[in-house]
Amino acid sequence: MAMVDEAGQAKLTELQGLTGAEFDSAYVAANLEGHQQLLAIQEEYLSAGTNREHVNVTKLAKGMITEHIAHLEALQGALG
């Protein structure tokens, strides 16, 4: 199993205690938060990155993360 930081472990523990619609909403919210954090990391690198290959990969990743955020926001809206 991958290493999980303290905040991630707390979120996992919270999710384990939920079921049904409560779980669904909390799961999507946690994924949205994680993707937003990841997007911020990509944007930070793009503002300072100097390696052209790394910058190109970061741009691709940013696009995928942005798409995932849009899907998660739509799902969150559908869940209410």
Protein backbone atom coordinates (compact mmCIF):
# COMPACT_ATOMS: atom_id res chain seq x y z
CA MET A 1 0.00 0.00 0.00
CA ALA A 2 1.20 3.50 -0.80
CA MET A 3 2.37 5.80 1.95
CA VAL A 4 -0.37 8.13 3.15
CA ASP A 5 0.31 11.32 5.08
CA GLU A 6 -1.52 12.20 8.29
CA ALA A 7 -4.21 14.25 6.56
CA GLY A 8 -4.79 11.48 4.03
CA GLN A 9 -5.07 8.88 6.76
CA ALA A 10 -7.59 11.05 8.61
CA LYS A 11 -9.65 11.34 5.42
CA LEU A 12 -9.51 7.57 4.88
CA THR A 13 -10.66 6.98 8.44
CA GLU A 14 -13.52 9.43 7.93
CA LEU A 15 -14.58 7.73 4.70
CA GLN A 16 -14.51 4.29 6.32
CA GLY A 17 -17.16 5.46 8.75
CA LEU A 18 -19.58 6.58 6.05
CA THR A 19 -22.04 4.73 3.85
CA GLY A 20 -24.45 5.47 1.04
CA ALA A 21 -24.96 9.04 -0.10
CA GLU A 22 -22.81 10.42 2.73
CA PHE A 23 -19.89 8.30 1.53
CA ASP A 24 -20.47 9.26 -2.10
CA SER A 25 -20.46 12.99 -1.32
CA ALA A 26 -17.42 12.81 0.96
CA TYR A 27 -15.51 10.62 -1.50
CA VAL A 28 -16.09 13.00 -4.40
CA ALA A 29 -15.23 16.02 -2.22
CA ALA A 30 -11.97 14.38 -1.12
CA ASN A 31 -11.04 13.58 -4.71
CA LEU A 32 -11.87 17.11 -5.81
CA GLU A 33 -9.71 18.56 -3.04
CA GLY A 34 -6.83 16.26 -3.97
CA HIS A 35 -7.06 17.18 -7.63
CA GLN A 36 -7.13 20.89 -6.78
CA GLN A 37 -3.99 20.46 -4.68
CA LEU A 38 -2.31 18.58 -7.51
CA LEU A 39 -3.30 21.29 -9.99
CA ALA A 40 -1.72 23.92 -7.74
CA ILE A 41 1.53 21.92 -7.71
CA GLN A 42 1.51 21.73 -11.52
CA GLU A 43 0.86 25.47 -11.83
CA GLU A 44 3.66 26.23 -9.39
CA TYR A 45 6.09 24.13 -11.42
CA LEU A 46 4.98 25.76 -14.67
CA SER A 47 5.78 29.19 -13.24
CA ALA A 48 9.33 28.19 -12.32
CA GLY A 49 10.25 25.09 -14.32
CA THR A 50 13.22 25.34 -16.66
CA ASN A 51 13.50 21.81 -18.07
CA ARG A 52 11.56 21.83 -21.35
CA GLU A 53 10.64 18.14 -21.19
CA HIS A 54 9.41 18.45 -17.61
CA VAL A 55 7.42 21.56 -18.48
CA ASN A 56 5.78 19.76 -21.42
CA VAL A 57 4.82 16.78 -19.26
CA THR A 58 3.51 19.17 -16.61
CA LYS A 59 1.36 20.92 -19.21
CA LEU A 60 -0.12 17.58 -20.26
CA ALA A 61 -0.74 16.61 -16.65
CA LYS A 62 -2.36 19.97 -15.95
CA GLY A 63 -4.79 19.41 -18.80
CA MET A 64 -5.76 15.97 -17.54
CA ILE A 65 -6.12 17.20 -13.96
CA THR A 66 -8.31 20.09 -15.14
CA GLU A 67 -10.55 17.61 -16.99
CA HIS A 68 -10.80 15.43 -13.89
CA ILE A 69 -11.76 18.46 -11.80
CA ALA A 70 -14.53 19.31 -14.26
CA HIS A 71 -15.87 15.75 -14.08
CA LEU A 72 -15.68 15.72 -10.29
CA GLU A 73 -17.49 19.07 -10.06
CA ALA A 74 -20.24 17.75 -12.34
CA LEU A 75 -20.51 14.60 -10.25
CA GLN A 76 -20.59 16.65 -7.06
CA GLY A 77 -23.41 18.74 -8.50
CA ALA A 78 -25.36 15.63 -9.46
CA LEU A 79 -24.98 14.25 -5.95
CA GLY A 80 -26.36 17.44 -4.49
